[in-house]
Protein backbone atom coordinates (compact mmCIF):
# COMPACT_ATOMS: atom_id res chain seq x y z
CA MET A 1 108.06 -83.37 -0.17
CA THR A 2 108.68 -81.58 -3.47
CA ASN A 3 109.79 -78.01 -4.16
CA GLU A 4 106.30 -77.27 -5.51
CA GLN A 5 104.68 -78.48 -2.29
CA LEU A 6 107.12 -76.43 -0.23
CA ASP A 7 106.27 -73.36 -2.32
CA ILE A 8 102.58 -73.92 -1.56
CA LEU A 9 103.21 -74.34 2.18
CA LEU A 10 105.12 -71.06 2.26
CA THR A 11 102.24 -68.99 0.86
CA ASP A 12 100.39 -66.71 3.26
CA GLU A 13 97.05 -68.25 2.24
CA VAL A 14 98.04 -71.81 3.12
CA ARG A 15 99.83 -70.79 6.31
CA ALA A 16 96.64 -69.01 7.41
CA LEU A 17 94.54 -72.10 6.64
CA ILE A 18 96.88 -74.32 8.67
CA GLU A 19 96.65 -71.95 11.61
CA ALA A 20 92.87 -71.65 11.38
CA ASN A 21 92.35 -75.43 11.28
CA LEU A 22 95.08 -76.56 13.66
CA GLU A 23 92.64 -77.81 16.30
CA ARG A 24 90.53 -79.82 13.85
CA PRO A 25 91.23 -83.54 13.18
CA ALA A 26 93.54 -83.89 10.18
CA ALA A 27 91.23 -86.47 8.54
CA GLU A 28 88.31 -84.03 8.72
CA VAL A 29 90.43 -81.28 7.17
CA ALA A 30 91.48 -83.59 4.33
CA LEU A 31 87.85 -84.40 3.53
CA ARG A 32 86.04 -81.12 4.11
CA LEU A 33 88.34 -78.12 3.79
CA GLY A 34 87.44 -75.98 0.80
CA SER A 35 90.93 -75.72 -0.64
CA PRO A 36 92.67 -77.50 -3.52
CA HIS A 37 95.60 -78.01 -1.13
CA ARG A 38 93.57 -79.62 1.65
CA ALA A 39 95.54 -82.91 1.60
CA LEU A 40 98.85 -81.05 2.00
CA ILE A 41 97.36 -78.83 4.71
CA ALA A 42 95.94 -81.85 6.55
CA THR A 43 99.36 -83.54 6.55
CA GLN A 44 100.93 -80.48 8.15
CA ILE A 45 98.19 -80.35 10.77
CA LYS A 46 98.73 -84.05 11.52
CA TYR A 47 102.46 -83.64 12.11
CA LEU A 48 102.20 -80.31 13.90
CA SER A 49 99.81 -82.02 16.32
CA ARG A 50 102.36 -84.75 16.95
CA ALA A 51 105.10 -82.15 17.29
CA ARG A 52 103.44 -80.68 20.39
CA THR A 53 105.11 -83.39 22.46
CA LYS A 54 107.97 -84.62 20.25
CA LEU A 55 109.16 -81.26 18.88
CA PRO A 56 107.51 -78.49 20.94
CA SER A 57 109.84 -75.75 19.64
CA TYR A 58 109.02 -76.75 16.07
CA TYR A 59 105.32 -76.67 16.95
CA ARG A 60 105.49 -73.23 18.55
CA SER A 61 107.41 -71.87 15.57
CA ARG A 62 104.96 -73.52 13.12
CA CYS A 63 107.81 -75.22 11.27
CA ILE A 64 107.16 -77.21 8.11
CA LEU A 65 107.21 -80.94 8.80
CA PRO A 66 107.65 -83.54 6.04
CA ASP A 67 106.31 -86.94 7.08
CA LEU A 68 109.39 -89.16 6.65
CA ALA A 69 111.83 -86.60 8.09
CA PHE A 70 109.53 -86.14 11.10
CA GLU A 71 109.28 -89.88 11.77
CA GLN A 72 113.07 -90.31 11.56
CA SER A 73 114.00 -87.24 13.61
CA SER A 74 115.21 -87.15 17.19
CA SER A 75 112.81 -85.88 19.81
CA GLU A 76 113.77 -82.56 21.36
CA ARG A 77 114.10 -84.24 24.77
CA ALA A 78 116.68 -86.66 23.37
CA ALA A 79 118.48 -83.99 21.32
CA ALA A 80 118.75 -81.81 24.43
CA THR A 81 120.96 -84.43 26.11
CA LYS A 82 123.87 -83.42 23.85
CA HIS A 83 126.36 -81.89 26.28
CA HIS A 84 129.26 -80.79 24.05
CA SER A 85 130.12 -77.16 23.35
CA GLY A 86 132.67 -75.12 21.48
CA GLY A 87 133.25 -72.98 18.42
CA LEU A 88 132.22 -75.06 15.42
CA ALA A 89 130.16 -78.24 15.15
CA ILE A 90 129.52 -80.07 11.88
CA ASP A 91 126.34 -82.13 11.55
CA LEU A 92 126.79 -84.49 8.61
CA THR A 93 123.15 -85.59 8.58
CA CYS A 94 120.81 -82.63 8.91
CA GLY A 95 117.41 -84.15 7.98
CA LEU A 96 114.75 -82.19 9.86
CA GLY A 97 117.57 -80.50 11.76
CA VAL A 98 116.61 -81.20 15.37
CA ASP A 99 120.12 -82.22 16.42
CA SER A 100 121.64 -79.27 14.53
CA TYR A 101 119.22 -76.96 16.31
CA TYR A 102 120.27 -78.22 19.75
CA LEU A 103 123.95 -78.16 18.82
CA SER A 104 123.46 -74.51 17.85
CA LYS A 105 122.49 -73.74 21.46
CA ARG A 106 125.94 -74.88 22.67
CA PHE A 107 128.22 -74.04 19.75
CA GLU A 108 129.04 -70.63 18.29
CA ARG A 109 128.46 -71.99 14.79
CA VAL A 110 127.00 -75.12 13.19
CA ILE A 111 127.43 -76.36 9.63
CA SER A 112 124.61 -78.77 8.78
CA ILE A 113 124.94 -81.02 5.73
CA GLU A 114 121.86 -82.19 3.80
CA ARG A 115 122.13 -84.00 0.47
CA ASP A 116 118.46 -83.59 -0.50
CA PRO A 117 117.91 -80.11 -2.04
CA VAL A 118 114.30 -79.84 -0.84
CA LEU A 119 115.17 -80.87 2.72
CA ALA A 120 118.12 -78.44 2.71
CA ARG A 121 115.81 -75.62 1.65
CA LEU A 122 113.22 -76.65 4.22
CA ALA A 123 115.85 -76.81 6.99
CA ARG A 124 116.96 -73.24 6.21
CA GLU A 125 113.34 -72.09 6.45
CA ASN A 126 112.72 -73.93 9.73
CA PHE A 127 115.95 -72.63 11.29
CA ARG A 128 114.82 -69.11 10.33
CA ARG A 129 111.49 -69.67 12.09
CA LEU A 130 113.29 -71.11 15.13
CA GLY A 131 115.61 -68.10 15.29
CA ALA A 132 118.71 -70.30 14.92
CA THR A 133 120.83 -67.77 13.03
CA ASN A 134 124.16 -69.52 13.63
CA ILE A 135 123.39 -72.60 11.47
CA GLU A 136 124.65 -72.79 7.90
CA VAL A 137 122.94 -75.45 5.77
CA VAL A 138 125.11 -76.92 2.99
CA CYS A 139 123.41 -78.97 0.27
CA ALA A 140 125.85 -81.78 -0.48
CA SER A 141 126.53 -85.37 0.41
CA SER A 142 128.67 -85.94 3.50
CA GLU A 143 131.41 -87.39 1.32
CA GLU A 144 131.44 -84.34 -0.98
CA PHE A 145 131.54 -81.94 1.91
CA LEU A 146 134.36 -83.77 3.70
CA THR A 147 136.44 -83.86 0.52
CA GLU A 148 136.17 -80.11 -0.02
CA PHE A 149 136.16 -78.89 3.59
CA GLU A 150 139.32 -77.14 4.75
CA GLY A 151 140.11 -76.47 8.35
CA GLY A 152 138.91 -78.05 11.56
CA ALA A 153 135.97 -78.23 13.92
CA ASP A 154 135.43 -78.92 17.58
CA LEU A 155 132.91 -81.68 16.94
CA VAL A 156 131.58 -83.77 14.08
CA TYR A 157 128.14 -85.29 14.59
CA ALA A 158 126.39 -87.91 12.44
CA ASP A 159 123.19 -89.92 12.55
CA PRO A 160 123.70 -92.31 9.60
CA ASP A 161 120.61 -93.11 7.54
CA ARG A 162 119.60 -96.68 8.37
CA ARG A 163 117.25 -97.06 5.40
CA SER A 164 118.18 -98.04 1.85
CA GLY A 165 116.82 -96.19 -1.17
CA ASP A 166 113.95 -98.68 -1.40
CA GLY A 167 113.08 -98.32 2.30
CA ARG A 168 114.79 -101.50 3.50
CA LYS A 169 116.21 -101.42 7.04
CA LEU A 170 120.00 -101.59 7.10
CA VAL A 171 121.77 -103.51 9.87
CA LEU A 172 125.49 -103.22 9.09
CA LEU A 173 127.01 -99.84 9.91
CA GLU A 174 129.04 -99.84 6.68
CA GLU A 175 125.79 -100.08 4.69
CA CYS A 176 124.37 -96.91 6.24
CA SER A 177 124.82 -93.43 4.78
CA PRO A 178 127.28 -91.94 5.36
CA ASN A 179 129.60 -94.89 5.86
CA VAL A 180 131.30 -93.65 9.02
CA LEU A 181 133.72 -96.58 9.07
CA ALA A 182 135.10 -95.61 5.67
CA LEU A 183 135.22 -91.94 6.71
CA LYS A 184 136.64 -92.54 10.21
CA SER A 185 140.20 -91.36 9.54
CA ARG A 186 138.98 -88.22 7.73
CA LEU A 187 136.61 -87.39 10.59
CA GLU A 188 139.44 -87.73 13.10
CA GLN A 189 141.54 -85.32 11.02
CA ILE A 190 138.83 -82.67 11.19
CA ALA A 191 137.73 -82.85 14.83
CA PRO A 192 139.08 -84.17 18.15
CA ARG A 193 135.65 -85.59 19.00
CA ILE A 194 133.20 -87.44 16.76
CA VAL A 195 129.71 -88.31 17.99
CA LEU A 196 127.61 -90.95 16.22
CA LYS A 197 123.97 -91.72 16.88
CA LEU A 198 123.33 -95.40 16.22
CA SER A 199 120.24 -97.57 16.27
CA PRO A 200 119.01 -98.28 19.83
CA MET A 201 119.32 -101.96 18.85
CA PHE A 202 123.02 -101.69 17.96
CA ASP A 203 125.23 -104.00 20.02
CA THR A 204 127.35 -102.04 22.51
CA SER A 205 130.18 -104.59 22.41
CA GLU A 206 130.38 -104.18 18.64
CA ALA A 207 130.47 -100.40 19.06
CA GLU A 208 133.41 -100.76 21.45
CA ARG A 209 135.20 -103.06 19.03
CA LEU A 210 134.80 -100.59 16.16
CA PHE A 211 135.55 -97.32 17.93
CA ALA A 212 137.56 -98.02 21.13
CA PRO A 213 138.50 -96.09 23.10
CA CYS A 214 135.04 -94.59 23.11
CA VAL A 215 132.24 -93.33 25.31
CA ILE A 216 128.98 -95.23 24.89
CA GLU A 217 125.78 -93.56 26.03
CA ALA A 218 122.24 -94.92 26.05
CA VAL A 219 119.47 -92.31 26.19
CA SER A 220 116.03 -93.36 27.41
CA ASP A 221 112.71 -91.56 27.62
CA ALA A 222 109.47 -92.90 29.14
CA GLY A 223 111.07 -96.31 29.70
CA GLU A 224 112.20 -96.75 26.09
CA CYS A 225 115.75 -96.59 24.72
CA LYS A 226 115.67 -93.74 22.20
CA GLU A 227 119.31 -93.38 21.22
CA LEU A 228 122.63 -95.17 21.42
CA VAL A 229 125.40 -92.60 21.12
CA VAL A 230 129.09 -93.37 20.57
CA GLU A 231 131.80 -90.74 21.01
CA PHE A 232 135.40 -91.27 19.87
CA GLY A 233 138.38 -89.27 18.58
CA ARG A 234 141.75 -87.86 19.59
CA GLU A 235 140.47 -86.43 22.86
CA VAL A 236 138.71 -89.63 23.92
CA THR A 237 141.53 -91.60 25.50
CA VAL A 238 139.63 -93.67 28.06
CA GLY A 239 136.52 -95.72 27.37
CA SER A 240 133.43 -95.34 29.55
CA ARG A 241 129.70 -95.95 29.55
CA ARG A 242 126.95 -93.50 30.39
CA ALA A 243 123.24 -93.97 31.10
CA THR A 244 120.94 -91.00 30.52
CA ILE A 245 117.23 -90.43 31.09
CA ALA A 246 116.18 -87.49 28.92
CA SER A 247 115.56 -84.31 30.95
CA VAL A 248 116.17 -86.19 34.23
CA VAL A 249 119.65 -87.56 34.92
CA SER A 250 122.90 -88.72 33.30
CA VAL A 251 125.52 -90.84 35.06
CA VAL A 252 128.81 -92.54 34.25
CA VAL A 253 129.11 -95.83 36.12
CA GLU A 254 132.38 -97.49 37.04
CA PRO A 255 132.09 -101.25 36.40
CA THR A 256 132.79 -103.66 39.25
CA THR A 257 133.58 -107.37 38.86
CA ASP A 258 130.05 -108.20 37.74
CA GLY A 259 127.82 -106.12 40.02
CA ILE A 260 126.04 -109.15 41.49
CA VAL A 261 125.26 -109.05 45.21
CA ARG A 262 126.27 -112.45 46.58
CA GLU A 263 124.25 -112.65 49.81
CA GLU A 264 121.79 -115.50 50.20
CA PHE A 265 118.39 -114.80 48.66
CA ARG A 266 115.86 -114.51 51.49
CA PRO A 267 112.54 -113.54 49.88
CA GLU A 268 110.74 -112.99 53.18
CA GLU A 269 113.13 -110.14 54.06
CA TYR A 270 112.68 -107.99 50.97
CA ARG A 271 109.93 -105.38 50.86
CA TYR A 272 110.69 -103.90 47.46
CA LEU A 273 111.31 -105.09 43.92
CA VAL A 274 113.70 -102.77 42.05
CA ALA A 275 113.84 -102.46 38.24
CA SER A 276 116.65 -100.63 36.47
CA ASP A 277 116.05 -98.13 33.67
CA VAL A 278 116.52 -99.40 30.13
CA ALA A 279 119.50 -97.03 29.65
CA LEU A 280 121.38 -98.88 32.38
CA ARG A 281 120.54 -102.25 30.89
CA LYS A 282 121.47 -101.19 27.35
CA THR A 283 124.92 -100.10 28.45
CA GLY A 284 125.41 -103.19 30.63
CA LEU A 285 125.62 -101.03 33.77
CA ALA A 286 122.50 -102.14 35.64
CA ALA A 287 124.09 -104.58 38.08
CA ASP A 288 127.09 -102.32 38.70
CA TYR A 289 124.84 -99.34 39.41
CA MET A 290 122.42 -101.23 41.66
CA SER A 291 124.99 -103.20 43.66
CA SER A 292 125.63 -100.37 46.14
CA ARG A 293 121.97 -99.30 46.36
CA VAL A 294 120.04 -102.55 46.96
CA ASP A 295 120.36 -105.73 49.00
CA PHE A 296 120.20 -108.36 46.26
CA VAL A 297 120.82 -108.25 42.48
CA THR A 298 119.62 -111.27 40.54
CA SER A 299 121.63 -110.86 37.31
CA PRO A 300 123.17 -108.18 35.04
CA VAL A 301 119.79 -107.66 33.33
CA GLY A 302 117.44 -108.86 36.06
CA TYR A 303 115.54 -107.39 38.97
CA ALA A 304 116.97 -106.38 42.32
CA PHE A 305 115.47 -106.55 45.81
CA ALA A 306 115.69 -104.14 48.74
CA ARG A 307 114.66 -104.04 52.36
CA GLU A 308 114.07 -100.29 52.27
CA ARG A 309 112.62 -98.09 49.52
CA VAL A 310 115.18 -96.89 46.97
CA ASP A 311 114.70 -93.34 45.69
CA ASP A 312 116.69 -93.00 42.48
CA PRO A 313 115.58 -91.72 39.04
CA LEU A 314 117.41 -94.58 37.31
CA LEU A 315 115.66 -97.21 39.42
CA LYS A 316 111.95 -97.96 39.79
CA CYS A 317 110.86 -99.29 43.16
CA TYR A 318 107.72 -101.42 43.68
CA GLU A 319 106.38 -102.48 47.07
CA ILE A 320 105.96 -106.26 47.30
CA GLU A 321 102.61 -107.67 48.36
CA SER A 322 103.66 -111.32 48.21
CA MET A 323 106.41 -113.44 46.66
CA GLU A 324 106.00 -117.16 46.07
CA PRO A 325 107.38 -119.90 43.81
CA PHE A 326 105.71 -119.85 40.40
CA ASP A 327 102.30 -121.53 40.59
CA PRO A 328 100.21 -120.51 37.55
CA LYS A 329 97.13 -122.49 38.59
CA GLY A 330 97.13 -121.06 42.09
CA LEU A 331 97.73 -117.54 40.81
CA ARG A 332 94.96 -117.95 38.26
CA ARG A 333 92.53 -118.88 41.04
CA GLN A 334 93.61 -115.91 43.13
CA LEU A 335 93.20 -113.43 40.28
CA LYS A 336 89.80 -114.89 39.42
CA THR A 337 88.69 -114.56 43.06
CA GLU A 338 89.81 -110.92 43.03
CA GLY A 339 87.88 -110.33 39.81
CA VAL A 340 91.06 -109.34 37.96
CA ARG A 341 90.80 -109.74 34.19
CA ARG A 342 93.77 -107.66 33.06
CA VAL A 343 97.31 -107.86 34.49
CA ASP A 344 100.39 -105.73 33.92
CA ILE A 345 102.89 -108.56 33.41
CA MET A 346 106.51 -107.69 34.24
CA LYS A 347 109.28 -110.21 33.74
CA ARG A 348 113.04 -110.55 33.60
CA ASP A 349 115.14 -113.70 33.43
CA PHE A 350 111.93 -115.63 32.94
CA ARG A 351 111.74 -117.92 29.90
CA MET A 352 108.08 -117.66 29.10
CA PRO A 353 106.50 -115.12 26.73
CA SER A 354 104.14 -112.59 28.29
CA SER A 355 101.35 -113.75 25.98
CA GLU A 356 101.79 -117.35 27.20
CA LEU A 357 101.81 -116.19 30.82
CA ALA A 358 98.57 -114.28 30.25
CA ARG A 359 96.92 -117.37 28.80
CA ALA A 360 98.09 -119.51 31.72
CA LEU A 361 96.64 -117.00 34.16
CA GLY A 362 93.39 -116.55 32.24
CA VAL A 363 93.87 -112.78 31.87
CA SER A 364 94.62 -110.17 29.23
CA GLU A 365 97.78 -108.07 29.28
CA GLY A 366 97.47 -104.56 30.67
CA GLY A 367 95.59 -103.11 33.59
CA SER A 368 96.66 -101.81 36.98
CA ARG A 369 97.25 -105.16 38.77
CA ARG A 370 101.01 -105.76 38.53
CA VAL A 371 102.66 -109.17 38.76
CA ALA A 372 106.40 -109.67 38.22
CA PHE A 373 108.08 -112.94 37.24
CA THR A 374 111.74 -113.87 37.53
CA GLU A 375 114.08 -116.80 38.08
CA ILE A 376 116.71 -116.87 40.84
CA GLY A 377 119.07 -119.78 41.39
CA GLY A 378 116.94 -122.11 39.27
CA VAL A 379 113.71 -121.23 41.14
CA ARG A 380 110.95 -119.34 39.30
CA TRP A 381 109.08 -116.73 41.33
CA GLN A 382 105.79 -114.85 41.03
CA ILE A 383 105.70 -111.49 42.78
CA LEU A 384 102.48 -109.59 43.37
CA LEU A 385 103.09 -105.86 43.65
CA LYS A 386 101.04 -103.28 45.52
């Protein structure tokens, strides 16, 4: 977004047109609205529509939403999991400002750093609309700000940009902006706690190697890992791992030897298949968490089995209809007899792609008929779920 486009979006005329056409499809607005700014208006309508679920406060306040900043921003549900509080928090990577906005609910004051002048101006406008009067937006690079900043803070937060200037995805943490590894000692001088949001794909063992002692937290929403958060600094003296489901639950799990239940696997005794939330698996806590709640755990990333239903927000429990050794031809015949053409294929510890399984069973992926596949002790199993 340019300054000129932002100027247009701030005019009363364009704001009124956005409001009047908010319920119309954005593509229709782009083609048919009688305004020279219809493409810009349509883009705002498109992202405001998406913001209803991802950023409901931004939607209600009719904030201005640039496309790239919106796509890269945290959801409000994920941002709301931030649990720190205090006097001053510094957000080194403002962007659309969602994390700064939620930090402002728990800190007396927030300084939010944004290197792009247009995004900095836009963030100030959006914070005004949101009523977040305790956020100061500074237009500078993180490095410039940290060089000139005097004093301390209670928390420094950063979500390093994982895209290069030409849009290429960056894998190494030192390639991202800001380079938190190069700035680590300066960050620790400023605040006793530093919180970094990393890619959900980032390896947790590597995070521990780089920042130990540290707290590693995986945040999930709707069965998908949304954030991997690492906290370190002078006040973090003991490492731990936390699994969080946005707006539902957050737990710290004490690791056991390996979390595997060692009893003999007796398939005829188990009534329920238990699947751990992705946040538990991402942090390597699944087996440790399940070991005291179920009767059999197959592996650190596999399914578990229980004789009685398990009610736990971090675990999903499915009633078993039947469990037999893997027999694709027999299962194909059964599904055909039932008239099933689409199957929800679930699998863990099973070395066969879902697409290949679907072909072997003569079905398409999806649908309400659930079948789980796993391997236990060298035996592959097919599990029909009610």
